[in-house]
Amino acid sequence: MALPEKLRLRLYLRDSIKSGRPVFFTDEEIEELLSETASIEEAVSLGWLLKAASAADNPTTVTIGQVSETKAQATETFNICTKMHHYWDRKAQEVSGSSKGVGRWLEVQPDTGFIADQLDTIKLLEDYWEQNDISRLYPVV
């Protein structure tokens, strides 16, 4: 017996209500993810992208009684969420046969050492392209 879409989405996002941890997405947000995407794979991909975007620059610490344990840095969480996003984005492309993807990220590393990742505008790249040769740059996919 297959799970309903909402529960499948929570399962794929590791956001189960039964886990005992607070859920990341509310029921309304889960419904919104499903309504804004063409497939459950796209919804999962978008969900992981949202989880990556929300990773704060603080470690995740669990405290039980007088014992505290730091589980992961925000960078680790971001990297895991981004990898899951890419995995589900490829799955969504396999299902739909389309290559549009839910979200694309680009990392630019000029010689000066400045790193600009998660660019949300093409304007910056177009301005840079007019003044510089960026043919050595490649998208991180």
C-alpha atoms as a PDB file:
ATOM      1  CA  MET A   1       0.000   0.000   0.000  1.00  0.00           C
ATOM      2  CA  ALA A   2       1.512   3.304  -1.108  1.00  0.00           C
ATOM      3  CA  LEU A   3       1.772   6.250   1.238  1.00  0.00           C
ATOM      4  CA  PRO A   4      -0.241   9.404   0.491  1.00  0.00           C
ATOM      5  CA  GLU A   5       1.768  12.099  -1.316  1.00  0.00           C
ATOM      6  CA  LYS A   6       2.101  14.318   1.764  1.00  0.00           C
ATOM      7  CA  LEU A   7       3.607  11.493   3.826  1.00  0.00           C
ATOM      8  CA  ARG A   8       5.880  10.418   0.949  1.00  0.00           C
ATOM      9  CA  LEU A   9       7.123  14.006   0.627  1.00  0.00           C
ATOM     10  CA  ARG A  10       7.850  14.176   4.360  1.00  0.00           C
ATOM     11  CA  LEU A  11       9.636  10.800   4.159  1.00  0.00           C
ATOM     12  CA  TYR A  12      11.844  11.913   1.258  1.00  0.00           C
ATOM     13  CA  LEU A  13      12.602  15.202   3.036  1.00  0.00           C
ATOM     14  CA  ARG A  14      13.461  13.374   6.285  1.00  0.00           C
ATOM     15  CA  ASP A  15      10.775  15.464   7.932  1.00  0.00           C
ATOM     16  CA  SER A  16       8.649  12.731   9.475  1.00  0.00           C
ATOM     17  CA  ILE A  17       6.118  13.655  12.134  1.00  0.00           C
ATOM     18  CA  LYS A  18       6.822  10.299  13.815  1.00  0.00           C
ATOM     19  CA  SER A  19      10.551  11.005  14.297  1.00  0.00           C
ATOM     20  CA  GLY A  20       9.935  12.820  17.577  1.00  0.00           C
ATOM     21  CA  ARG A  21      11.805  15.914  16.342  1.00  0.00           C
ATOM     22  CA  PRO A  22      10.016  19.124  15.403  1.00  0.00           C
ATOM     23  CA  VAL A  23       9.096  19.089  11.720  1.00  0.00           C
ATOM     24  CA  PHE A  24      10.784  21.544   9.361  1.00  0.00           C
ATOM     25  CA  PHE A  25       7.719  22.087   7.140  1.00  0.00           C
ATOM     26  CA  THR A  26       4.176  22.752   8.340  1.00  0.00           C
ATOM     27  CA  ASP A  27       1.316  20.817   6.739  1.00  0.00           C
ATOM     28  CA  GLU A  28       0.388  23.946   4.763  1.00  0.00           C
ATOM     29  CA  GLU A  29       3.950  24.264   3.451  1.00  0.00           C
ATOM     30  CA  ILE A  30       3.965  20.595   2.418  1.00  0.00           C
ATOM     31  CA  GLU A  31       0.711  21.171   0.514  1.00  0.00           C
ATOM     32  CA  GLU A  32       2.210  24.274  -1.112  1.00  0.00           C
ATOM     33  CA  LEU A  33       5.297  22.366  -2.245  1.00  0.00           C
ATOM     34  CA  LEU A  34       3.074  19.735  -3.833  1.00  0.00           C
ATOM     35  CA  SER A  35       0.797  22.289  -5.506  1.00  0.00           C
ATOM     36  CA  GLU A  36       3.665  24.350  -6.980  1.00  0.00           C
ATOM     37  CA  THR A  37       5.513  21.461  -8.598  1.00  0.00           C
ATOM     38  CA  ALA A  38       4.719  18.991 -11.361  1.00  0.00           C
ATOM     39  CA  SER A  39       5.855  15.854  -9.526  1.00  0.00           C
ATOM     40  CA  ILE A  40       6.711  14.625  -6.072  1.00  0.00           C
ATOM     41  CA  GLU A  41      10.368  14.504  -7.152  1.00  0.00           C
ATOM     42  CA  GLU A  42      10.286  18.216  -7.986  1.00  0.00           C
ATOM     43  CA  ALA A  43       8.597  18.927  -4.651  1.00  0.00           C
ATOM     44  CA  VAL A  44      11.325  17.012  -2.809  1.00  0.00           C
ATOM     45  CA  SER A  45      14.037  18.832  -4.770  1.00  0.00           C
ATOM     46  CA  LEU A  46      12.517  22.214  -3.898  1.00  0.00           C
ATOM     47  CA  GLY A  47      12.105  21.160  -0.268  1.00  0.00           C
ATOM     48  CA  TRP A  48      15.790  20.261   0.045  1.00  0.00           C
ATOM     49  CA  LEU A  49      16.710  23.561  -1.599  1.00  0.00           C
ATOM     50  CA  LEU A  50      14.626  25.420   0.989  1.00  0.00           C
ATOM     51  CA  LYS A  51      16.257  23.430   3.791  1.00  0.00           C
ATOM     52  CA  ALA A  52      19.705  24.329   2.419  1.00  0.00           C
ATOM     53  CA  ALA A  53      18.773  27.993   2.249  1.00  0.00           C
ATOM     54  CA  SER A  54      17.647  28.024   5.866  1.00  0.00           C
ATOM     55  CA  ALA A  55      20.858  26.537   7.265  1.00  0.00           C
ATOM     56  CA  ALA A  56      22.139  29.078   9.766  1.00  0.00           C
ATOM     57  CA  ASP A  57      25.795  29.548  10.621  1.00  0.00           C
ATOM     58  CA  ASN A  58      25.403  27.837  13.975  1.00  0.00           C
ATOM     59  CA  PRO A  59      26.152  24.267  14.994  1.00  0.00           C
ATOM     60  CA  THR A  60      23.305  21.907  15.826  1.00  0.00           C
ATOM     61  CA  THR A  61      23.599  21.095  19.531  1.00  0.00           C
ATOM     62  CA  VAL A  62      21.576  18.467  21.362  1.00  0.00           C
ATOM     63  CA  THR A  63      21.406  18.645  25.147  1.00  0.00           C
ATOM     64  CA  ILE A  64      20.201  15.778  27.338  1.00  0.00           C
ATOM     65  CA  GLY A  65      20.465  16.531  31.035  1.00  0.00           C
ATOM     66  CA  GLN A  66      23.953  17.891  31.662  1.00  0.00           C
ATOM     67  CA  VAL A  67      25.471  16.443  28.480  1.00  0.00           C
ATOM     68  CA  SER A  68      25.597  18.458  25.246  1.00  0.00           C
ATOM     69  CA  GLU A  69      26.766  17.208  21.883  1.00  0.00           C
ATOM     70  CA  THR A  70      27.416  19.257  18.762  1.00  0.00           C
ATOM     71  CA  LYS A  71      26.160  17.227  15.808  1.00  0.00           C
ATOM     72  CA  ALA A  72      26.952  19.264  12.712  1.00  0.00           C
ATOM     73  CA  GLN A  73      28.093  22.653  11.543  1.00  0.00           C
ATOM     74  CA  ALA A  74      25.787  24.695   9.312  1.00  0.00           C
ATOM     75  CA  THR A  75      28.175  24.221   6.391  1.00  0.00           C
ATOM     76  CA  GLU A  76      27.795  20.454   6.669  1.00  0.00           C
ATOM     77  CA  THR A  77      24.023  20.784   6.820  1.00  0.00           C
ATOM     78  CA  PHE A  78      24.036  23.100   3.791  1.00  0.00           C
ATOM     79  CA  ASN A  79      26.234  20.691   1.800  1.00  0.00           C
ATOM     80  CA  ILE A  80      24.062  17.688   2.641  1.00  0.00           C
ATOM     81  CA  CYS A  81      20.863  19.553   1.744  1.00  0.00           C
ATOM     82  CA  THR A  82      22.398  20.793  -1.509  1.00  0.00           C
ATOM     83  CA  LYS A  83      23.497  17.276  -2.467  1.00  0.00           C
ATOM     84  CA  MET A  84      20.010  15.955  -1.731  1.00  0.00           C
ATOM     85  CA  HIS A  85      18.541  18.786  -3.829  1.00  0.00           C
ATOM     86  CA  HIS A  86      20.758  17.829  -6.780  1.00  0.00           C
ATOM     87  CA  TYR A  87      19.893  14.151  -6.389  1.00  0.00           C
ATOM     88  CA  TRP A  88      16.133  14.804  -6.403  1.00  0.00           C
ATOM     89  CA  ASP A  89      16.452  17.372  -9.190  1.00  0.00           C
ATOM     90  CA  ARG A  90      18.023  14.664 -11.403  1.00  0.00           C
ATOM     91  CA  LYS A  91      15.226  12.267 -10.384  1.00  0.00           C
ATOM     92  CA  ALA A  92      12.636  14.896 -11.329  1.00  0.00           C
ATOM     93  CA  GLN A  93      14.275  15.331 -14.736  1.00  0.00           C
ATOM     94  CA  GLU A  94      14.181  11.554 -15.303  1.00  0.00           C
ATOM     95  CA  VAL A  95      10.472  11.432 -14.467  1.00  0.00           C
ATOM     96  CA  SER A  96       9.422  14.501 -16.454  1.00  0.00           C
ATOM     97  CA  GLY A  97      11.909  14.179 -19.298  1.00  0.00           C
ATOM     98  CA  SER A  98      12.546  17.897 -18.940  1.00  0.00           C
ATOM     99  CA  SER A  99      15.808  19.568 -18.016  1.00  0.00           C
ATOM    100  CA  LYS A 100      14.375  22.741 -16.463  1.00  0.00           C
ATOM    101  CA  GLY A 101      15.209  21.810 -12.884  1.00  0.00           C
ATOM    102  CA  VAL A 102      13.723  23.335  -9.765  1.00  0.00           C
ATOM    103  CA  GLY A 103      16.682  25.551  -8.975  1.00  0.00           C
ATOM    104  CA  ARG A 104      20.187  26.094 -10.268  1.00  0.00           C
ATOM    105  CA  TRP A 105      23.173  27.305  -8.267  1.00  0.00           C
ATOM    106  CA  LEU A 106      26.349  28.774  -9.680  1.00  0.00           C
ATOM    107  CA  GLU A 107      29.675  29.246  -7.946  1.00  0.00           C
ATOM    108  CA  VAL A 108      32.067  31.889  -9.247  1.00  0.00           C
ATOM    109  CA  GLN A 109      35.680  31.865  -8.062  1.00  0.00           C
ATOM    110  CA  PRO A 110      37.646  34.734  -9.648  1.00  0.00           C
ATOM    111  CA  ASP A 111      41.452  34.918  -9.271  1.00  0.00           C
ATOM    112  CA  THR A 112      41.134  37.455  -6.450  1.00  0.00           C
ATOM    113  CA  GLY A 113      39.761  34.716  -4.204  1.00  0.00           C
ATOM    114  CA  PHE A 114      36.299  36.256  -3.796  1.00  0.00           C
ATOM    115  CA  ILE A 115      33.625  33.581  -3.837  1.00  0.00           C
ATOM    116  CA  ALA A 116      30.083  34.483  -4.780  1.00  0.00           C
ATOM    117  CA  ASP A 117      27.767  31.539  -4.574  1.00  0.00           C
ATOM    118  CA  GLN A 118      24.024  31.258  -4.783  1.00  0.00           C
ATOM    119  CA  LEU A 119      23.723  34.058  -7.294  1.00  0.00           C
ATOM    120  CA  ASP A 120      20.128  34.991  -7.832  1.00  0.00           C
ATOM    121  CA  THR A 121      20.588  37.373 -10.729  1.00  0.00           C
ATOM    122  CA  ILE A 122      21.911  37.131 -14.270  1.00  0.00           C
ATOM    123  CA  LYS A 123      22.650  40.876 -14.351  1.00  0.00           C
ATOM    124  CA  LEU A 124      25.839  40.482 -12.303  1.00  0.00           C
ATOM    125  CA  LEU A 125      27.132  37.838 -14.699  1.00  0.00           C
ATOM    126  CA  GLU A 126      26.228  39.870 -17.773  1.00  0.00           C
ATOM    127  CA  ASP A 127      28.060  42.932 -16.391  1.00  0.00           C
ATOM    128  CA  TYR A 128      31.065  40.804 -15.493  1.00  0.00           C
ATOM    129  CA  TRP A 129      31.030  39.117 -18.922  1.00  0.00           C
ATOM    130  CA  GLU A 130      31.210  42.506 -20.690  1.00  0.00           C
ATOM    131  CA  GLN A 131      34.416  43.418 -18.845  1.00  0.00           C
ATOM    132  CA  ASN A 132      36.130  40.050 -18.329  1.00  0.00           C
ATOM    133  CA  ASP A 133      36.708  36.676 -19.907  1.00  0.00           C
ATOM    134  CA  ILE A 134      34.865  34.158 -17.753  1.00  0.00           C
ATOM    135  CA  SER A 135      35.248  31.252 -20.154  1.00  0.00           C
ATOM    136  CA  ARG A 136      37.302  29.394 -17.529  1.00  0.00           C
ATOM    137  CA  LEU A 137      34.364  29.351 -15.108  1.00  0.00           C
ATOM    138  CA  TYR A 138      32.035  26.411 -14.978  1.00  0.00           C
ATOM    139  CA  PRO A 139      28.653  25.885 -13.293  1.00  0.00           C
ATOM    140  CA  VAL A 140      28.542  23.657 -10.228  1.00  0.00           C
ATOM    141  CA  VAL A 141      25.822  21.126 -10.947  1.00  0.00           C
END
